[in-house]
């Protein structure tokens, strides 16, 4: 076989591989779009998100270097664990799997682009990505969903395990990279992550020395200012004011009432319903005297 013939076969195989990956991704995306579907009793149906996970797994198997397949699988695993799974051991197993995938995926990014990316200014980070022909959007999403996966993992494993594995610093670094490359992911998702880290984590030298309470409210305010349509941004700012700026309690309660009365968006049914529930729970904790317009 001639060298030219071998090259033609290699290119043909690559095209077929890419076509298979795109087909699997399209099917998985369609299933993911149905993730908030409920049964007649109002319970979330697990079928769509599990179909999405299988589709992203197939896409990743067809092309292990495809970063889009990786971050979309991370996103689907998070949703399955947080919204479609109630058994604690099953949740834990899903988040274990997600964090392993996040770490392996990030190692692949570093092999292409270099290490210590969190230390780079945005311009240099983007330059490195361009030089390695690595899509900034995919790296931003991979960073964000990796941080979310580790955050979910820490909720199921406890503080001691999280400290031992350096989870706080890992989440912070990934969230910083996502915020530099695409702060608009999930309508301010990286800013929400960073705000909660600064608001909630204890500041411990060599563990979470990056924590700065003074950054929590400005990050939450920026998220709401830039993406006011996301109910999570209103919830975040309300919680941050209640926790760190008690003089703004009345404003915080007003924001919580707004969130408690929203109608979940059709594209984010489960996520928005969880935000509404959290707002109503916090209003009850605060013994807010004003009844909700909906009677809830």
Foldseek 3Di string as FASTA:
>chain_A
DDPVVVVVVVVVLVVVLVVQLVVLQVQLVVLLQCQQDADPVRAGDLVSLVSSLVSLVRSCVSPVLDLVSLLSNLVSLLCCLPRVDDDLVVSLVSLVVSLVSLVVNVVSVCVQQNPPLLPDQLVVSVVSCVVSVHDLVSLLSSLLSNLVSLVSNCVSPDDVVCQVVLSLVSSLSSLSSNCSSPCCVVQRSSLLSLLCSLQPDDCDPPRRVVRDLVSNLVSLVVSCVRRVVDLVSLLSNLVSCVRPPVVCNVVSLVSLLVLLPDQDDSSQRRPSVVSNVVSVVVCVVVVPVDARPVND
